[in-house]
Amino acid sequence: MNRLTKSFPVFDCDAHINDPMKIWEYVPESKRELVRNTYWRGDNEAWLNGTTPVMGGGNGHFAPSYNPICIAGPQMNKKIMRKLISMVPLTDQQRAYVHHDGAIDPHARIKEMDLMGIDQVLVIPTMVIMHLPFATDEEGVDVFCQAYNDFLVDWCAEVPDRLFGAALLPIQDPVRAAKEIFRAKELGHRVGLIRPIDAQAKYPNEVRRAVLAGGGEFDEVFRAFEETGMVLGMHTFPAPGMPHPLGPNYLASPGELFTRAGTDSQTFSFIHEMQVWLAQVLLSGFLDRYDKLKMAVFESNAAWLPYMLDSCDRLFKIYARQRGQSGGRLPSEAFQEQCVISFESDEEGVFRQWRDYEDIGIWASDAYHHDGADVWSAMRHMTADAVPDRVQEKLLGGNACRWYGIEAKMFVTEEAGPIERPDWFPGGPELDEWADLVAHPRENAGKLKELGLDAKTGVAAIMEANAASASSGSGY
């Protein structure tokens, strides 16, 4: 395969850090017990509300397998990850080798960004997004968010031209959330994160009622975004299935519908969670009320957007009198003017419809989660789908830098050669042959037995890989 070069800066709009335990060192000593009873993590588990054990993303939770939150770095792919699952138990040395330390350490991050063709990045936490909305102590959440945002300043300052952060917000209390938006802006953060779910019966995306009521209790939050110019980052996650204050039959996330139906919430919940939020935004007049608000839709794929915008435009016209409020723009027009949406390297549906995304698409690696990919693979897909070079430049960095107000800078121009790997590391024709066999275990039962496997083992390897990725809360 020919190595690629690029002549423009690439900005990764949505990649992750694995909630380094150093974050908790930024909690003031006088507030340690409060935060310990709000959200705290170790290497094996985390604790929500002081007593509920949850998966915090530590390496110890996944032993003797690899940590799927930190797996998809330079020159990794799904074949390699699947083979590694079949090799369990991995040795400590093997597990350490496939752990990408850029999920924790800023300088390791830069080395891995260079290999992946990424010049600049917006980093977003991981399991914090899953669990923090369900923390019940409003002060504890506020203190933790401040600690995280302070930690993020120092983490990004290690390489300030390349590392940028998205702030956490204590959304349980709109007054505290608005205050933290102003503080985070002063710290230099460009994005404030909200997950579009109803975790505390204080539904921040119940925007139609908010508009009809003159803004509702979250009006102060949205006005703070407008006044500071910070981008409102909506980041989805798998349906958590946490206890809800209104009882066991209440849905915190629309994605829980898939879990209750017995389907894979990892596959569907990201998209459905965002679509529910976005439909309310677009059909409520929300963006007309907050016409200076800038939003970014993260981690939900993007190929579905044109159809949804068309549908919202049609409904906007049909039910104009029933909506109860007026809007000066069609939903598609409002989105084009106030929103961007992230896409990942293999979304060929986006690339084939590139005209719809030319000014609103922002590329995301989703590193280091299991589906993460480098920019070189995105460029290859885009070129194969005839995306013009000038549009690739906008989609892969120009749009994101414009939206965040960041000066684009280029540090990487050439794709790196193959990484030299240990002998045990999966690769070469043997990996391709193995991947094809386990992808079709029933048809290849005889060959699998020759390799010391059987059809049942082949299926189990795939299921284990999917289960490990789902439990990690990594991207779709």
Protein backbone atom coordinates (compact mmCIF):
# COMPACT_ATOMS: atom_id res chain seq x y z
CA MET A 1 0.00 0.00 0.00
CA ASN A 2 1.36 3.40 -1.00
CA ARG A 3 2.08 5.75 1.89
CA LEU A 4 0.06 8.98 1.81
CA THR A 5 1.07 12.59 2.29
CA LYS A 6 -1.07 15.58 3.20
CA SER A 7 -0.75 19.32 2.72
CA PHE A 8 -3.30 20.58 5.25
CA PRO A 9 -3.80 20.44 9.05
CA VAL A 10 -5.96 17.67 10.49
CA PHE A 11 -8.02 18.35 13.61
CA ASP A 12 -9.47 15.38 15.48
CA CYS A 13 -12.73 16.74 16.88
CA ASP A 14 -13.62 13.85 19.19
CA ALA A 15 -11.00 11.60 20.73
CA HIS A 16 -10.71 10.39 24.30
CA ILE A 17 -8.58 10.24 27.37
CA ASN A 18 -9.18 7.38 29.76
CA ASP A 19 -10.08 9.50 32.81
CA PRO A 20 -6.57 9.47 34.36
CA MET A 21 -6.63 8.94 38.12
CA LYS A 22 -4.56 12.12 38.41
CA ILE A 23 -7.87 14.01 37.95
CA TRP A 24 -8.82 13.22 41.53
CA GLU A 25 -5.60 14.83 42.78
CA TYR A 26 -7.11 18.15 41.69
CA VAL A 27 -9.96 17.77 44.18
CA PRO A 28 -9.28 20.04 47.19
CA GLU A 29 -8.42 18.07 50.33
CA SER A 30 -11.43 19.53 52.12
CA LYS A 31 -13.73 18.13 49.39
CA ARG A 32 -12.16 14.69 48.96
CA GLU A 33 -14.77 12.84 51.00
CA LEU A 34 -17.58 14.65 49.21
CA VAL A 35 -16.24 13.65 45.80
CA ARG A 36 -15.43 10.14 47.04
CA ASN A 37 -19.15 9.78 47.73
CA THR A 38 -20.01 11.26 44.33
CA TYR A 39 -17.73 9.61 41.75
CA TRP A 40 -14.33 8.03 42.37
CA ARG A 41 -12.27 5.42 40.53
CA GLY A 42 -9.41 3.04 41.01
CA ASP A 43 -7.67 0.66 38.63
CA ASN A 44 -10.30 -2.06 38.94
CA GLU A 45 -13.61 -0.33 39.59
CA ALA A 46 -15.22 3.03 40.14
CA TRP A 47 -17.88 4.01 42.67
CA LEU A 48 -20.94 6.08 41.92
CA ASN A 49 -22.70 7.83 44.80
CA GLY A 50 -20.30 6.17 47.21
CA THR A 51 -21.82 2.69 47.09
CA THR A 52 -22.61 1.64 43.50
CA PRO A 53 -19.69 -0.13 41.79
CA VAL A 54 -19.35 0.76 38.10
CA MET A 55 -16.74 0.17 35.41
CA GLY A 56 -14.32 3.08 35.52
CA GLY A 57 -12.03 2.14 32.64
CA GLY A 58 -9.00 0.92 34.60
CA ASN A 59 -6.75 -1.77 33.16
CA GLY A 60 -7.41 -4.09 36.07
CA HIS A 61 -11.08 -4.35 35.19
CA PHE A 62 -10.30 -6.14 31.90
CA ALA A 63 -7.50 -8.53 32.92
CA PRO A 64 -6.39 -10.90 31.52
CA SER A 65 -7.54 -9.28 28.25
CA TYR A 66 -6.52 -5.88 26.90
CA ASN A 67 -8.21 -2.64 27.87
CA PRO A 68 -10.60 -1.90 24.94
CA ILE A 69 -10.77 1.78 25.86
CA CYS A 70 -7.06 2.13 25.04
CA ILE A 71 -6.64 -0.30 22.15
CA ALA A 72 -7.26 1.44 18.80
CA GLY A 73 -4.12 3.46 18.22
CA PRO A 74 -1.59 3.69 15.39
CA GLN A 75 -1.81 0.92 12.79
CA MET A 76 -4.34 -1.09 14.77
CA ASN A 77 -7.44 -2.61 13.18
CA LYS A 78 -10.38 -4.81 14.08
CA LYS A 79 -8.70 -7.97 12.79
CA ILE A 80 -5.81 -7.47 15.19
CA MET A 81 -8.13 -6.75 18.12
CA ARG A 82 -10.24 -9.83 17.40
CA LYS A 83 -7.15 -12.02 17.23
CA LEU A 84 -5.87 -10.58 20.51
CA ILE A 85 -9.16 -11.55 22.17
CA SER A 86 -8.64 -15.13 21.00
CA MET A 87 -5.16 -15.08 22.59
CA VAL A 88 -6.49 -14.44 26.11
CA PRO A 89 -5.00 -14.75 28.65
CA LEU A 90 -2.47 -12.17 27.53
CA THR A 91 0.70 -11.77 29.52
CA ASP A 92 1.29 -8.58 31.47
CA GLN A 93 3.91 -7.64 28.87
CA GLN A 94 1.47 -8.17 26.00
CA ARG A 95 -1.27 -6.20 27.71
CA ALA A 96 1.12 -3.33 28.37
CA TYR A 97 2.30 -3.34 24.76
CA VAL A 98 -1.20 -2.96 23.25
CA HIS A 99 -2.18 -0.29 25.80
CA HIS A 100 -1.78 3.10 24.12
CA ASP A 101 -0.41 5.38 26.79
CA GLY A 102 -1.65 8.44 24.92
CA ALA A 103 -4.98 7.74 26.59
CA ILE A 104 -3.31 8.86 29.82
CA ASP A 105 -0.12 10.77 29.07
CA PRO A 106 -0.02 13.92 26.86
CA HIS A 107 3.48 13.32 25.48
CA ALA A 108 2.69 9.73 24.53
CA ARG A 109 -0.43 11.16 22.90
CA ILE A 110 1.63 13.38 20.62
CA LYS A 111 3.81 10.49 19.44
CA GLU A 112 0.72 8.46 18.61
CA MET A 113 -0.97 11.43 16.91
CA ASP A 114 2.09 11.77 14.68
CA LEU A 115 1.72 8.15 13.59
CA MET A 116 -2.01 8.61 12.98
CA GLY A 117 -1.59 11.79 10.91
CA ILE A 118 -3.33 14.00 13.48
CA ASP A 119 -2.07 17.53 14.03
CA GLN A 120 -4.44 18.78 16.74
CA VAL A 121 -7.10 17.15 18.90
CA LEU A 122 -10.03 17.90 21.19
CA VAL A 123 -9.91 15.39 24.06
CA ILE A 124 -13.07 14.16 25.77
CA PRO A 125 -13.31 11.95 28.88
CA THR A 126 -14.68 8.43 28.71
CA MET A 127 -16.53 6.64 31.51
CA VAL A 128 -17.16 9.96 33.27
CA ILE A 129 -19.66 10.71 30.51
CA MET A 130 -21.42 7.43 31.25
CA HIS A 131 -21.63 7.71 35.03
CA LEU A 132 -21.45 11.33 36.18
CA PRO A 133 -25.00 12.25 35.04
CA PHE A 134 -26.27 9.73 37.63
CA ALA A 135 -24.40 11.23 40.56
CA THR A 136 -26.93 12.70 43.00
CA ASP A 137 -24.94 15.17 45.10
CA GLU A 138 -25.03 18.46 43.20
CA GLU A 139 -22.13 19.99 45.10
CA GLY A 140 -20.04 16.86 44.66
CA VAL A 141 -20.62 16.90 40.90
CA ASP A 142 -19.72 20.59 40.78
CA VAL A 143 -16.46 20.03 42.67
CA PHE A 144 -15.54 17.08 40.48
CA CYS A 145 -16.22 19.02 37.25
CA GLN A 146 -14.02 21.86 38.48
CA ALA A 147 -11.26 19.37 39.31
CA TYR A 148 -11.50 17.78 35.88
CA ASN A 149 -11.48 21.11 34.06
CA ASP A 150 -8.47 22.28 36.09
CA PHE A 151 -6.65 19.00 35.39
CA LEU A 152 -7.41 19.41 31.69
CA VAL A 153 -5.75 22.84 31.59
CA ASP A 154 -2.46 21.37 32.81
CA TRP A 155 -2.76 18.24 30.64
CA CYS A 156 -3.26 20.26 27.45
CA ALA A 157 -0.62 22.81 28.44
CA GLU A 158 2.04 20.13 28.02
CA VAL A 159 1.68 20.62 24.23
CA PRO A 160 -0.56 23.68 23.92
CA ASP A 161 -0.57 24.03 20.11
CA ARG A 162 -1.87 20.48 19.67
CA LEU A 163 -3.96 19.49 22.68
CA PHE A 164 -7.33 21.08 23.48
CA GLY A 165 -9.99 20.09 26.00
CA ALA A 166 -13.76 19.81 26.33
CA ALA A 167 -15.05 20.85 29.75
CA LEU A 168 -17.33 18.84 32.02
CA LEU A 169 -20.41 20.61 33.38
CA PRO A 170 -22.40 19.92 36.59
CA ILE A 171 -25.67 19.71 34.72
CA GLN A 172 -27.57 18.47 37.80
CA ASP A 173 -27.77 22.14 38.86
CA PRO A 174 -28.31 24.66 36.02
CA VAL A 175 -27.02 27.55 38.15
CA ARG A 176 -23.76 25.75 38.90
CA ALA A 177 -23.54 24.60 35.27
CA ALA A 178 -23.85 28.15 33.94
CA LYS A 179 -21.21 29.35 36.40
CA GLU A 180 -18.82 26.58 35.30
CA ILE A 181 -19.34 27.48 31.64
CA PHE A 182 -18.01 30.98 32.34
CA ARG A 183 -15.14 29.57 34.43
CA ALA A 184 -14.24 26.95 31.81
CA LYS A 185 -14.19 29.61 29.12
CA GLU A 186 -11.72 31.62 31.21
CA LEU A 187 -9.59 28.48 31.55
CA GLY A 188 -9.40 28.28 27.76
CA HIS A 189 -11.70 25.36 27.04
CA ARG A 190 -13.58 25.60 23.74
CA VAL A 191 -16.40 23.09 24.33
CA GLY A 192 -18.75 22.30 27.22
CA LEU A 193 -20.14 18.76 27.35
CA ILE A 194 -23.72 17.69 28.02
CA ARG A 195 -25.03 14.19 27.50
CA PRO A 196 -28.58 14.30 26.05
CA ILE A 197 -30.32 12.08 28.62
CA ASP A 198 -32.67 12.38 31.56
CA ALA A 199 -30.51 11.08 34.39
CA GLN A 200 -32.00 13.06 37.30
CA ALA A 201 -35.54 13.84 36.14
CA LYS A 202 -34.15 17.21 35.08
CA TYR A 203 -34.22 16.59 31.36
CA PRO A 204 -31.95 19.18 29.72
CA ASN A 205 -33.12 18.23 26.24
CA GLU A 206 -36.82 18.70 26.95
CA VAL A 207 -36.38 21.83 24.94
CA ARG A 208 -39.88 22.24 23.55
CA ARG A 209 -41.30 22.80 27.01
CA ALA A 210 -38.39 25.09 27.82
CA VAL A 211 -39.11 27.25 24.79
CA LEU A 212 -42.84 27.41 25.50
CA ALA A 213 -42.14 28.31 29.14
CA GLY A 214 -39.81 31.10 28.15
CA GLY A 215 -36.63 29.10 28.57
CA GLY A 216 -37.25 26.96 31.66
CA GLU A 217 -34.63 26.22 34.31
CA PHE A 218 -31.93 25.51 31.73
CA ASP A 219 -32.30 28.90 30.07
CA GLU A 220 -29.38 30.20 32.13
CA VAL A 221 -27.18 27.37 30.83
CA PHE A 222 -27.95 28.01 27.18
CA ARG A 223 -27.54 31.77 27.64
CA ALA A 224 -24.12 31.16 29.17
CA PHE A 225 -23.09 29.21 26.08
CA GLU A 226 -24.25 32.08 23.90
CA GLU A 227 -22.51 34.76 25.94
CA THR A 228 -19.17 32.94 26.17
CA GLY A 229 -19.17 31.58 22.64
CA MET A 230 -18.35 28.10 23.93
CA VAL A 231 -19.60 25.24 21.80
CA LEU A 232 -22.33 23.06 23.33
CA GLY A 233 -21.00 19.55 22.78
CA MET A 234 -23.65 16.82 22.87
CA HIS A 235 -21.86 13.50 23.38
CA THR A 236 -23.83 10.27 23.49
CA PHE A 237 -22.91 6.97 25.15
CA PRO A 238 -24.31 3.43 25.50
CA ALA A 239 -27.51 3.07 27.53
CA PRO A 240 -26.35 2.67 31.14
CA GLY A 241 -29.34 1.00 32.84
CA MET A 242 -28.79 2.93 36.07
CA PRO A 243 -31.55 3.25 38.71
CA HIS A 244 -33.67 6.32 38.02
CA PRO A 245 -35.23 8.58 40.67
CA LEU A 246 -38.68 8.09 39.15
CA GLY A 247 -38.60 4.32 39.37
CA PRO A 248 -37.49 1.21 37.44
CA ASN A 249 -39.85 1.80 34.50
CA TYR A 250 -38.47 5.26 33.73
CA LEU A 251 -36.03 5.56 30.82
CA ALA A 252 -32.99 7.73 31.41
CA SER A 253 -31.75 7.26 27.84
CA PRO A 254 -33.72 6.50 24.68
CA GLY A 255 -31.08 3.87 24.03
CA GLU A 256 -32.47 1.78 26.88
CA LEU A 257 -35.36 0.84 24.59
CA PHE A 258 -32.96 -1.35 22.65
CA THR A 259 -31.61 -2.99 25.78
CA ARG A 260 -35.13 -3.83 26.96
CA ALA A 261 -35.94 -5.22 23.52
CA GLY A 262 -32.97 -7.57 23.77
CA THR A 263 -30.93 -5.91 21.03
CA ASP A 264 -27.41 -4.54 21.16
CA SER A 265 -27.62 -1.11 22.76
CA GLN A 266 -23.98 -0.53 21.79
CA THR A 267 -25.01 -0.58 18.14
CA PHE A 268 -28.10 1.59 18.33
CA SER A 269 -28.13 3.69 21.46
CA PHE A 270 -25.59 6.29 20.36
CA ILE A 271 -27.57 7.21 17.26
CA HIS A 272 -31.03 6.97 18.81
CA GLU A 273 -30.02 9.04 21.82
CA MET A 274 -28.81 11.82 19.53
CA GLN A 275 -31.74 11.64 17.15
CA VAL A 276 -34.23 12.09 19.99
CA TRP A 277 -32.33 15.14 21.26
CA LEU A 278 -31.90 16.63 17.83
CA ALA A 279 -35.54 16.18 16.82
CA GLN A 280 -36.58 18.20 19.87
CA VAL A 281 -34.02 20.88 19.10
CA LEU A 282 -35.00 21.21 15.46
CA LEU A 283 -38.78 21.08 15.81
CA SER A 284 -39.18 23.20 18.93
CA GLY A 285 -37.83 26.54 17.80
CA PHE A 286 -34.96 26.07 20.27
CA LEU A 287 -32.31 27.31 17.85
CA ASP A 288 -34.37 30.38 17.05
CA ARG A 289 -34.63 31.20 20.74
CA TYR A 290 -30.88 30.69 21.18
CA ASP A 291 -29.79 31.93 17.80
CA LYS A 292 -26.19 32.61 18.86
CA LEU A 293 -25.72 29.10 20.26
CA LYS A 294 -23.16 26.86 18.56
CA MET A 295 -23.61 23.08 18.89
CA ALA A 296 -21.53 20.05 18.02
CA VAL A 297 -23.06 16.57 17.66
CA PHE A 298 -20.50 13.96 18.75
CA GLU A 299 -20.13 10.16 18.60
CA SER A 300 -23.38 9.37 16.82
CA ASN A 301 -22.24 8.72 13.25
CA ALA A 302 -23.54 11.10 10.62
CA ALA A 303 -24.86 9.35 7.53
CA TRP A 304 -28.43 9.52 8.88
CA LEU A 305 -28.47 13.31 9.11
CA PRO A 306 -29.70 14.34 5.60
CA TYR A 307 -32.78 12.13 5.85
CA MET A 308 -33.55 13.39 9.34
CA LEU A 309 -33.23 17.02 8.27
CA ASP A 310 -35.52 16.38 5.30
CA SER A 311 -38.08 14.71 7.61
CA CYS A 312 -37.92 17.54 10.14
CA ASP A 313 -38.40 20.13 7.39
CA ARG A 314 -41.50 18.29 6.20
CA LEU A 315 -42.96 17.97 9.71
CA PHE A 316 -42.09 21.58 10.47
CA LYS A 317 -44.31 22.66 7.58
CA ILE A 318 -47.13 20.15 8.10
CA TYR A 319 -47.60 20.86 11.81
CA ALA A 320 -46.86 24.58 11.76
CA ARG A 321 -50.05 25.49 13.62
CA GLN A 322 -49.91 22.62 16.12
CA ARG A 323 -46.35 23.27 17.30
CA GLY A 324 -47.36 26.17 19.52
CA GLN A 325 -44.36 28.29 18.66
CA SER A 326 -42.91 29.75 15.51
CA GLY A 327 -39.49 29.51 13.98
CA GLY A 328 -38.06 31.70 11.30
CA ARG A 329 -36.01 28.94 9.63
CA LEU A 330 -36.48 25.41 8.44
CA PRO A 331 -34.76 22.84 10.68
CA SER A 332 -32.22 22.11 7.96
CA GLU A 333 -31.38 25.82 7.71
CA ALA A 334 -31.02 26.18 11.47
CA PHE A 335 -28.73 23.13 11.64
CA GLN A 336 -26.54 24.40 8.80
CA GLU A 337 -26.12 27.75 10.53
CA GLN A 338 -25.65 26.64 14.16
CA CYS A 339 -24.48 23.01 14.23
CA VAL A 340 -21.74 20.63 13.14
CA ILE A 341 -21.69 16.84 13.30
CA SER A 342 -18.79 14.43 13.71
CA PHE A 343 -18.13 11.48 11.43
CA GLU A 344 -15.55 8.70 11.56
CA SER A 345 -13.05 7.32 9.08
CA ASP A 346 -15.16 4.56 7.56
CA GLU A 347 -18.48 6.41 7.09
CA GLU A 348 -18.74 6.03 3.34
CA GLY A 349 -22.35 7.16 3.45
CA VAL A 350 -21.06 10.57 4.49
CA PHE A 351 -18.38 10.65 1.80
CA ARG A 352 -20.83 9.77 -0.98
CA GLN A 353 -23.05 12.64 0.17
CA TRP A 354 -20.15 15.01 0.75
CA ARG A 355 -22.05 18.05 -0.54
CA ASP A 356 -24.41 17.78 2.46
CA TYR A 357 -21.46 17.80 4.89
CA GLU A 358 -18.99 20.15 3.24
CA ASP A 359 -19.50 22.93 5.80
CA ILE A 360 -20.87 20.98 8.80
CA GLY A 361 -18.85 17.74 8.93
CA ILE A 362 -15.97 17.38 11.41
CA TRP A 363 -13.77 14.28 11.47
CA ALA A 364 -13.27 12.23 14.64
CA SER A 365 -10.78 9.43 15.21
CA ASP A 366 -12.63 8.18 18.33
CA ALA A 367 -9.24 6.98 19.54
CA TYR A 368 -8.52 5.01 21.57
CA HIS A 369 -11.79 3.14 21.58
CA HIS A 370 -12.16 -0.07 19.65
CA ASP A 371 -13.48 1.51 16.44
CA GLY A 372 -10.91 4.32 16.44
CA ALA A 373 -8.98 4.93 13.22
CA ASP A 374 -6.29 7.20 11.83
CA VAL A 375 -6.75 9.98 9.32
CA TRP A 376 -4.94 8.09 6.58
CA SER A 377 -7.77 5.55 6.38
CA ALA A 378 -10.28 8.39 6.20
CA MET A 379 -8.36 9.96 3.32
CA ARG A 380 -8.28 6.67 1.44
CA HIS A 381 -12.04 6.21 1.83
CA MET A 382 -12.73 9.81 0.80
CA THR A 383 -10.55 9.57 -2.28
CA ALA A 384 -12.22 6.30 -3.31
CA ASP A 385 -15.59 8.05 -3.04
CA ALA A 386 -14.40 11.04 -5.11
CA VAL A 387 -14.49 13.65 -2.34
CA PRO A 388 -12.62 16.68 -3.76
CA ASP A 389 -9.33 17.61 -2.11
CA ARG A 390 -10.64 21.04 -1.04
CA VAL A 391 -13.58 19.36 0.72
CA GLN A 392 -11.33 16.80 2.40
CA GLU A 393 -9.35 19.69 3.84
CA LYS A 394 -12.52 21.20 5.32
CA LEU A 395 -13.92 17.92 6.64
CA LEU A 396 -10.65 16.76 8.18
CA GLY A 397 -9.77 19.93 10.03
CA GLY A 398 -10.89 23.21 8.56
CA ASN A 399 -14.48 23.04 9.77
CA ALA A 400 -13.53 22.00 13.30
CA CYS A 401 -10.92 24.73 13.74
CA ARG A 402 -13.35 27.34 12.46
CA TRP A 403 -16.09 26.11 14.81
CA TYR A 404 -13.88 26.00 17.88
CA GLY A 405 -12.01 29.20 17.07
CA ILE A 406 -8.63 27.44 17.02
CA GLU A 407 -5.71 28.39 14.81
CA ALA A 408 -5.00 25.43 12.55
CA LYS A 409 -1.40 24.24 12.59
CA MET A 410 0.22 21.36 10.72
CA PHE A 411 2.84 19.10 12.28
CA VAL A 412 2.49 15.89 10.25
CA THR A 413 2.80 15.61 6.48
CA GLU A 414 3.71 11.97 5.75
CA GLU A 415 2.22 8.62 6.69
CA ALA A 416 4.60 6.58 8.78
CA GLY A 417 5.99 3.27 7.63
CA PRO A 418 4.95 -0.03 9.24
CA ILE A 419 5.59 -0.23 12.96
CA GLU A 420 8.04 -2.95 13.94
CA ARG A 421 6.09 -5.39 16.11
CA PRO A 422 7.06 -8.24 18.48
CA ASP A 423 6.95 -11.77 17.08
CA TRP A 424 3.78 -12.61 19.00
CA PHE A 425 1.84 -9.64 17.60
CA PRO A 426 -0.85 -10.64 15.06
CA GLY A 427 -0.07 -9.74 11.48
CA GLY A 428 0.73 -10.83 7.94
CA PRO A 429 -1.09 -13.47 5.85
CA GLU A 430 -1.70 -15.60 8.93
CA LEU A 431 -3.85 -12.86 10.47
CA ASP A 432 -5.86 -12.42 7.28
CA GLU A 433 -6.45 -16.16 7.02
CA TRP A 434 -7.47 -16.43 10.67
CA ALA A 435 -9.81 -13.43 10.44
CA ASP A 436 -11.58 -14.91 7.44
CA LEU A 437 -11.99 -18.26 9.17
CA VAL A 438 -13.51 -16.91 12.39
CA ALA A 439 -15.73 -14.53 10.45
CA HIS A 440 -17.43 -17.60 8.92
CA PRO A 441 -17.10 -20.28 11.62
CA ARG A 442 -19.77 -22.66 10.39
CA GLU A 443 -18.45 -22.75 6.84
CA ASN A 444 -14.88 -23.19 8.11
CA ALA A 445 -15.43 -25.66 10.96
CA GLY A 446 -12.93 -28.15 9.50
CA LYS A 447 -10.14 -25.62 9.06
CA LEU A 448 -10.77 -24.19 12.51
CA LYS A 449 -10.28 -27.64 14.02
CA GLU A 450 -6.98 -27.97 12.17
CA LEU A 451 -5.89 -24.78 13.96
CA GLY A 452 -6.93 -26.20 17.30
CA LEU A 453 -10.27 -24.37 17.25
CA ASP A 454 -13.82 -25.38 16.43
CA ALA A 455 -16.84 -23.52 15.14
CA LYS A 456 -18.09 -22.85 18.66
CA THR A 457 -14.74 -21.38 19.69
CA GLY A 458 -14.68 -19.14 16.65
CA VAL A 459 -18.12 -17.73 17.42
CA ALA A 460 -17.17 -17.26 21.08
CA ALA A 461 -14.12 -15.21 20.15
CA ILE A 462 -16.25 -12.79 18.17
CA MET A 463 -18.85 -12.53 20.91
CA GLU A 464 -16.18 -11.93 23.55
CA ALA A 465 -14.65 -9.16 21.46
CA ASN A 466 -18.02 -7.47 21.04
CA ALA A 467 -18.87 -7.84 24.72
CA ALA A 468 -15.56 -6.37 25.84
CA SER A 469 -15.98 -3.41 23.51
CA ALA A 470 -19.56 -2.82 24.65
CA SER A 471 -18.62 -2.88 28.32
CA SER A 472 -15.94 -0.31 27.61
CA GLY A 473 -18.48 2.27 26.49
CA SER A 474 -16.45 2.88 23.37
CA GLY A 475 -17.85 4.41 20.22
CA TYR A 476 -20.19 2.81 17.70
